[in-house]
Every structure is written in structure tokens, then in C-alpha cells.
N, C-alpha and C. Protein backbone atom coordinates (compact mmCIF):
# COMPACT_ATOMS: atom_id res chain seq x y z
N MET A 1 -62.24 7.29 67.62
CA MET A 1 -62.41 8.52 66.86
C MET A 1 -61.15 9.37 66.96
N SER A 2 -60.89 10.11 65.90
CA SER A 2 -59.74 11.00 65.91
C SER A 2 -60.10 12.29 66.64
N LYS A 3 -59.09 13.10 66.91
CA LYS A 3 -59.32 14.37 67.61
C LYS A 3 -60.19 15.30 66.78
N THR A 4 -59.98 15.28 65.46
CA THR A 4 -60.77 16.13 64.57
C THR A 4 -62.24 15.73 64.60
N GLN A 5 -62.50 14.43 64.57
CA GLN A 5 -63.88 13.96 64.62
C GLN A 5 -64.53 14.31 65.95
N ASP A 6 -63.77 14.23 67.04
CA ASP A 6 -64.29 14.59 68.36
C ASP A 6 -64.67 16.06 68.40
N LYS A 7 -63.82 16.93 67.82
CA LYS A 7 -64.09 18.37 67.80
C LYS A 7 -65.37 18.65 67.02
N ILE A 8 -65.50 18.02 65.85
CA ILE A 8 -66.69 18.23 65.02
C ILE A 8 -67.93 17.74 65.75
N LYS A 9 -67.82 16.60 66.41
CA LYS A 9 -68.96 16.04 67.14
C LYS A 9 -69.39 16.97 68.28
N LYS A 10 -68.42 17.52 69.00
CA LYS A 10 -68.74 18.43 70.11
C LYS A 10 -69.41 19.70 69.60
N LYS A 11 -68.91 20.25 68.48
CA LYS A 11 -69.53 21.44 67.89
C LYS A 11 -70.97 21.13 67.47
N PHE A 12 -71.17 19.97 66.88
CA PHE A 12 -72.50 19.58 66.41
C PHE A 12 -73.46 19.42 67.59
N GLU A 13 -73.00 18.86 68.68
CA GLU A 13 -73.85 18.66 69.85
C GLU A 13 -74.27 19.98 70.48
N LYS A 14 -73.45 21.03 70.33
CA LYS A 14 -73.77 22.34 70.91
C LYS A 14 -74.80 23.11 70.08
N LEU A 15 -74.99 22.73 68.85
CA LEU A 15 -75.93 23.44 67.98
C LEU A 15 -77.37 23.23 68.44
N THR A 16 -78.22 24.18 68.09
CA THR A 16 -79.64 24.02 68.39
C THR A 16 -80.26 23.05 67.38
N LYS A 17 -81.48 22.64 67.64
CA LYS A 17 -82.15 21.68 66.75
C LYS A 17 -82.28 22.24 65.34
N GLU A 18 -82.65 23.53 65.21
CA GLU A 18 -82.81 24.13 63.89
C GLU A 18 -81.48 24.16 63.14
N GLU A 19 -80.40 24.49 63.85
CA GLU A 19 -79.09 24.53 63.22
C GLU A 19 -78.64 23.14 62.77
N LYS A 20 -78.95 22.14 63.60
CA LYS A 20 -78.62 20.76 63.24
C LYS A 20 -79.36 20.33 61.99
N ASP A 21 -80.67 20.64 61.93
CA ASP A 21 -81.48 20.28 60.77
C ASP A 21 -80.96 20.95 59.51
N GLU A 22 -80.59 22.24 59.65
CA GLU A 22 -80.08 22.99 58.50
C GLU A 22 -78.76 22.39 58.02
N LEU A 23 -77.88 22.05 58.94
CA LEU A 23 -76.59 21.46 58.59
C LEU A 23 -76.76 20.09 57.94
N LEU A 24 -77.65 19.29 58.50
CA LEU A 24 -77.90 17.97 57.91
C LEU A 24 -78.50 18.08 56.52
N ASN A 25 -79.37 19.07 56.31
CA ASN A 25 -79.94 19.29 54.98
C ASN A 25 -78.85 19.65 53.97
N GLU A 26 -77.92 20.50 54.41
CA GLU A 26 -76.82 20.88 53.53
C GLU A 26 -75.93 19.69 53.19
N LEU A 27 -75.72 18.83 54.19
CA LEU A 27 -74.85 17.68 54.01
C LEU A 27 -75.56 16.49 53.38
N GLY A 28 -76.87 16.59 53.23
CA GLY A 28 -77.63 15.50 52.61
C GLY A 28 -78.06 14.44 53.62
N GLY A 29 -78.04 14.76 54.89
CA GLY A 29 -78.48 13.82 55.91
C GLY A 29 -79.98 13.73 55.96
N VAL A 30 -80.51 12.76 56.67
CA VAL A 30 -81.94 12.53 56.71
C VAL A 30 -82.64 13.17 57.91
N PRO A 31 -82.12 13.10 59.12
CA PRO A 31 -82.87 13.55 60.28
C PRO A 31 -83.34 14.99 60.16
N GLY A 32 -84.60 15.20 60.43
CA GLY A 32 -85.16 16.52 60.53
C GLY A 32 -85.50 17.23 59.25
N GLY A 33 -85.46 16.63 58.11
CA GLY A 33 -85.88 17.39 56.96
C GLY A 33 -85.57 16.77 55.62
N ALA A 34 -84.32 16.54 55.33
CA ALA A 34 -83.98 16.04 54.01
C ALA A 34 -84.68 14.71 53.78
N GLU A 35 -85.43 14.63 52.72
CA GLU A 35 -86.20 13.42 52.47
C GLU A 35 -85.42 12.44 51.62
N LYS A 36 -85.49 11.20 52.01
CA LYS A 36 -84.87 10.13 51.23
C LYS A 36 -85.79 9.79 50.08
N PRO A 37 -85.24 9.55 48.93
CA PRO A 37 -86.12 9.13 47.83
C PRO A 37 -86.74 7.77 48.16
N LYS A 38 -88.04 7.67 47.96
CA LYS A 38 -88.73 6.42 48.27
C LYS A 38 -88.42 5.38 47.21
N LYS A 39 -88.31 4.13 47.66
CA LYS A 39 -88.06 3.05 46.73
C LYS A 39 -89.33 2.77 45.94
N VAL A 40 -89.16 2.52 44.68
CA VAL A 40 -90.29 2.21 43.82
C VAL A 40 -90.57 0.72 43.94
N LYS A 41 -91.77 0.38 44.35
CA LYS A 41 -92.14 -1.01 44.53
C LYS A 41 -92.44 -1.65 43.18
N LYS A 42 -91.86 -2.83 42.96
CA LYS A 42 -92.11 -3.53 41.71
C LYS A 42 -93.56 -4.01 41.68
N VAL A 43 -94.17 -3.83 40.54
CA VAL A 43 -95.54 -4.26 40.37
C VAL A 43 -95.52 -5.71 39.89
N ARG A 44 -96.16 -6.59 40.65
CA ARG A 44 -96.19 -8.00 40.30
C ARG A 44 -97.36 -8.26 39.37
N ASP A 45 -97.09 -8.99 38.31
CA ASP A 45 -98.14 -9.35 37.36
C ASP A 45 -99.04 -10.39 38.03
N PRO A 46 -100.32 -10.10 38.21
CA PRO A 46 -101.21 -11.06 38.88
C PRO A 46 -101.43 -12.34 38.09
N ASN A 47 -101.13 -12.33 36.79
CA ASN A 47 -101.33 -13.52 35.97
C ASN A 47 -100.12 -14.45 35.97
N LYS A 48 -99.00 -13.96 36.50
CA LYS A 48 -97.78 -14.77 36.51
C LYS A 48 -97.92 -15.93 37.51
N PRO A 49 -97.57 -17.15 37.09
CA PRO A 49 -97.69 -18.30 37.99
C PRO A 49 -96.75 -18.18 39.19
N LYS A 50 -97.20 -18.67 40.32
CA LYS A 50 -96.37 -18.66 41.52
C LYS A 50 -95.31 -19.74 41.40
N LYS A 51 -94.28 -19.63 42.25
CA LYS A 51 -93.24 -20.65 42.26
C LYS A 51 -93.80 -21.96 42.79
N ALA A 52 -93.16 -23.05 42.38
CA ALA A 52 -93.61 -24.38 42.80
C ALA A 52 -93.27 -24.61 44.28
N MET A 53 -94.13 -25.36 44.95
CA MET A 53 -93.86 -25.71 46.34
C MET A 53 -92.74 -26.74 46.40
N THR A 54 -91.91 -26.63 47.44
CA THR A 54 -90.81 -27.57 47.63
C THR A 54 -91.31 -28.79 48.41
N PRO A 55 -90.53 -29.87 48.38
CA PRO A 55 -90.92 -31.05 49.16
C PRO A 55 -91.10 -30.74 50.65
N TYR A 56 -90.24 -29.86 51.17
CA TYR A 56 -90.36 -29.49 52.59
C TYR A 56 -91.68 -28.79 52.86
N LEU A 57 -92.13 -27.94 51.97
CA LEU A 57 -93.41 -27.26 52.17
C LEU A 57 -94.58 -28.25 52.15
N PHE A 58 -94.50 -29.25 51.28
CA PHE A 58 -95.55 -30.28 51.28
C PHE A 58 -95.54 -31.04 52.62
N TYR A 59 -94.34 -31.32 53.13
CA TYR A 59 -94.22 -32.01 54.42
C TYR A 59 -94.83 -31.17 55.54
N THR A 60 -94.49 -29.89 55.59
CA THR A 60 -95.02 -29.04 56.67
C THR A 60 -96.54 -28.90 56.55
N GLN A 61 -97.04 -28.87 55.34
CA GLN A 61 -98.48 -28.78 55.13
C GLN A 61 -99.20 -30.00 55.71
N ASP A 62 -98.61 -31.17 55.51
CA ASP A 62 -99.20 -32.41 56.03
C ASP A 62 -99.02 -32.54 57.54
N ARG A 63 -97.90 -32.11 58.05
CA ARG A 63 -97.51 -32.41 59.43
C ARG A 63 -97.93 -31.35 60.45
N ARG A 64 -98.12 -30.12 60.04
CA ARG A 64 -98.36 -29.02 60.98
C ARG A 64 -99.51 -29.28 61.95
N SER A 65 -100.64 -29.73 61.44
CA SER A 65 -101.81 -29.93 62.31
C SER A 65 -101.53 -30.97 63.39
N ALA A 66 -100.79 -32.03 63.04
CA ALA A 66 -100.47 -33.07 64.03
C ALA A 66 -99.52 -32.53 65.10
N VAL A 67 -98.54 -31.74 64.71
CA VAL A 67 -97.59 -31.18 65.68
C VAL A 67 -98.30 -30.22 66.62
N VAL A 68 -99.18 -29.39 66.08
CA VAL A 68 -99.93 -28.44 66.91
C VAL A 68 -100.88 -29.18 67.86
N ALA A 69 -101.49 -30.27 67.38
CA ALA A 69 -102.39 -31.05 68.22
C ALA A 69 -101.63 -31.72 69.37
N GLN A 70 -100.41 -32.18 69.11
CA GLN A 70 -99.60 -32.80 70.15
C GLN A 70 -99.06 -31.78 71.15
N ASN A 71 -98.80 -30.57 70.68
CA ASN A 71 -98.21 -29.52 71.52
C ASN A 71 -99.01 -28.23 71.38
N PRO A 72 -100.19 -28.15 72.00
CA PRO A 72 -101.03 -26.96 71.81
C PRO A 72 -100.43 -25.68 72.38
N ASP A 73 -99.52 -25.80 73.34
CA ASP A 73 -98.93 -24.61 73.95
C ASP A 73 -97.71 -24.09 73.18
N MET A 74 -97.32 -24.79 72.14
CA MET A 74 -96.15 -24.43 71.35
C MET A 74 -96.48 -23.30 70.38
N GLY A 75 -95.60 -22.31 70.28
CA GLY A 75 -95.79 -21.19 69.37
C GLY A 75 -95.44 -21.58 67.95
N PRO A 76 -95.82 -20.75 66.97
CA PRO A 76 -95.56 -21.05 65.57
C PRO A 76 -94.07 -21.23 65.25
N ARG A 77 -93.26 -20.43 65.88
CA ARG A 77 -91.82 -20.53 65.64
C ARG A 77 -91.28 -21.88 66.12
N ASP A 78 -91.73 -22.31 67.29
CA ASP A 78 -91.28 -23.58 67.84
C ASP A 78 -91.80 -24.76 67.01
N VAL A 79 -93.02 -24.62 66.49
CA VAL A 79 -93.58 -25.67 65.64
C VAL A 79 -92.71 -25.83 64.40
N MET A 80 -92.33 -24.71 63.79
CA MET A 80 -91.49 -24.77 62.59
C MET A 80 -90.11 -25.35 62.91
N LYS A 81 -89.56 -25.01 64.08
CA LYS A 81 -88.27 -25.56 64.47
C LYS A 81 -88.36 -27.07 64.60
N GLN A 82 -89.42 -27.55 65.25
CA GLN A 82 -89.58 -28.98 65.44
C GLN A 82 -89.74 -29.70 64.09
N MET A 83 -90.57 -29.14 63.21
CA MET A 83 -90.77 -29.76 61.91
C MET A 83 -89.47 -29.74 61.09
N GLY A 84 -88.70 -28.69 61.22
CA GLY A 84 -87.42 -28.62 60.52
C GLY A 84 -86.45 -29.68 61.00
N SER A 85 -86.40 -29.88 62.31
CA SER A 85 -85.50 -30.91 62.83
C SER A 85 -85.99 -32.31 62.44
N GLU A 86 -87.32 -32.51 62.40
CA GLU A 86 -87.87 -33.79 61.95
C GLU A 86 -87.50 -34.04 60.49
N TRP A 87 -87.63 -33.00 59.65
CA TRP A 87 -87.33 -33.13 58.23
C TRP A 87 -85.86 -33.49 58.02
N ARG A 88 -84.97 -32.84 58.77
CA ARG A 88 -83.55 -33.13 58.62
C ARG A 88 -83.20 -34.54 59.06
N SER A 89 -83.94 -35.08 60.03
CA SER A 89 -83.63 -36.42 60.53
C SER A 89 -84.28 -37.54 59.70
N MET A 90 -85.18 -37.18 58.79
CA MET A 90 -85.84 -38.19 57.95
C MET A 90 -84.86 -38.76 56.93
N ASP A 91 -85.02 -40.04 56.62
CA ASP A 91 -84.18 -40.62 55.57
C ASP A 91 -84.88 -40.48 54.21
N ALA A 92 -84.21 -40.89 53.16
CA ALA A 92 -84.70 -40.69 51.80
C ALA A 92 -86.02 -41.40 51.53
N THR A 93 -86.23 -42.57 52.14
CA THR A 93 -87.49 -43.30 51.89
C THR A 93 -88.68 -42.58 52.51
N GLU A 94 -88.46 -41.92 53.64
CA GLU A 94 -89.55 -41.17 54.28
C GLU A 94 -89.85 -39.88 53.51
N LYS A 95 -88.83 -39.32 52.91
CA LYS A 95 -89.00 -38.08 52.15
C LYS A 95 -89.54 -38.32 50.74
N ALA A 96 -89.47 -39.54 50.26
CA ALA A 96 -89.81 -39.86 48.87
C ALA A 96 -91.18 -39.35 48.42
N PRO A 97 -92.26 -39.56 49.21
CA PRO A 97 -93.56 -39.08 48.72
C PRO A 97 -93.60 -37.56 48.55
N TYR A 98 -92.89 -36.85 49.42
CA TYR A 98 -92.85 -35.39 49.33
C TYR A 98 -91.98 -34.94 48.15
N GLU A 99 -90.92 -35.72 47.87
CA GLU A 99 -90.07 -35.43 46.72
C GLU A 99 -90.87 -35.58 45.43
N VAL A 100 -91.72 -36.61 45.36
CA VAL A 100 -92.55 -36.83 44.18
C VAL A 100 -93.53 -35.67 44.01
N LYS A 101 -94.16 -35.26 45.11
CA LYS A 101 -95.08 -34.12 45.04
C LYS A 101 -94.35 -32.86 44.58
N GLY A 102 -93.13 -32.68 45.07
CA GLY A 102 -92.33 -31.52 44.68
C GLY A 102 -91.99 -31.52 43.21
N GLU A 103 -91.60 -32.68 42.69
CA GLU A 103 -91.28 -32.78 41.26
C GLU A 103 -92.51 -32.53 40.40
N THR A 104 -93.65 -33.05 40.85
CA THR A 104 -94.90 -32.83 40.12
C THR A 104 -95.26 -31.35 40.10
N ALA A 105 -95.12 -30.70 41.25
CA ALA A 105 -95.43 -29.27 41.33
C ALA A 105 -94.49 -28.46 40.46
N LYS A 106 -93.20 -28.85 40.43
CA LYS A 106 -92.23 -28.15 39.61
C LYS A 106 -92.57 -28.28 38.12
N ALA A 107 -92.96 -29.49 37.70
CA ALA A 107 -93.32 -29.72 36.30
C ALA A 107 -94.57 -28.92 35.93
N ARG A 108 -95.55 -28.92 36.84
CA ARG A 108 -96.79 -28.18 36.60
C ARG A 108 -96.50 -26.67 36.50
N GLN A 109 -95.60 -26.18 37.35
CA GLN A 109 -95.26 -24.77 37.33
C GLN A 109 -94.51 -24.41 36.05
N LYS A 110 -93.65 -25.31 35.58
CA LYS A 110 -92.90 -25.06 34.34
C LYS A 110 -93.85 -24.96 33.16
N ILE A 111 -94.85 -25.83 33.10
CA ILE A 111 -95.85 -25.78 32.03
C ILE A 111 -96.62 -24.47 32.09
N ALA A 112 -97.04 -24.09 33.29
CA ALA A 112 -97.79 -22.84 33.46
C ALA A 112 -96.93 -21.63 33.08
N MET A 113 -95.65 -21.68 33.42
CA MET A 113 -94.75 -20.55 33.09
C MET A 113 -94.52 -20.45 31.59
N ASP A 114 -94.37 -21.60 30.92
CA ASP A 114 -94.22 -21.60 29.48
C ASP A 114 -95.46 -21.01 28.80
N ALA A 115 -96.63 -21.39 29.29
CA ALA A 115 -97.87 -20.85 28.73
C ALA A 115 -97.98 -19.35 29.00
N TYR A 116 -97.49 -18.90 30.16
CA TYR A 116 -97.54 -17.49 30.53
C TYR A 116 -96.63 -16.65 29.63
N LYS A 117 -95.46 -17.20 29.32
CA LYS A 117 -94.49 -16.46 28.52
C LYS A 117 -94.93 -16.30 27.06
N LYS A 118 -95.78 -17.18 26.57
CA LYS A 118 -96.22 -17.10 25.17
C LYS A 118 -97.24 -16.03 24.95
């Protein structure tokens, strides 16, 4: 920090809480009073089709119960880590059924989206 910034910081620290709040309000700061404008949440259309599941999601859906049964003391985060490492180590022939499911889901979602847009 520069000497000027140190001086300003020391002056600010000596102020009372009310004086700090008043100064922050003048400067547009948030603590103690000045309200930040709230973000407007986007409204999701309930009729809009959801995104298609990926091959990895189909794999985790099939595999999760077996991993949890083998390791009942494992937390959800660790289960996902293990399944992720298993997925990365799988070759293309092992992933093929999940890839087919993923392509089918993508095609189904595209049809649903086209119908939604009309």
C-alpha cells in the first residue's frame, strides 16, 4: 500500500460505526446500509425439454449402486471420484453401450426441442 492509502485507512479505522456507514453509503459501498441491487432470476419455462444425458451420466447411473455396495463407508464425493477414474480408464469397447445410450438421448432431446420450438 502507498502512504496515501495507509493514511486513508487509518482515518477510516478511527471513525465510529455510524460515520463509517455514512461514508460507505456516500461512496456506494455495501457494508452497513447501501443495498446492492438484487439479481433478477431467470424464469425457466417448465415445458422446455431438459438437456440430454451424457454417456458418463448413464455410466454413473448404472454403476453407483455397485460402488456404494462395495464401499459403504465411502462418501458421495469419493464415490464420484472413483467412478470418474474408472470411466477414464475404460476403453472404447467398454464405453460403447453408454455412447449408444447417449446418442439416443441426444436424438430424442433434439426431437423434443424441435417440437417445443414450433
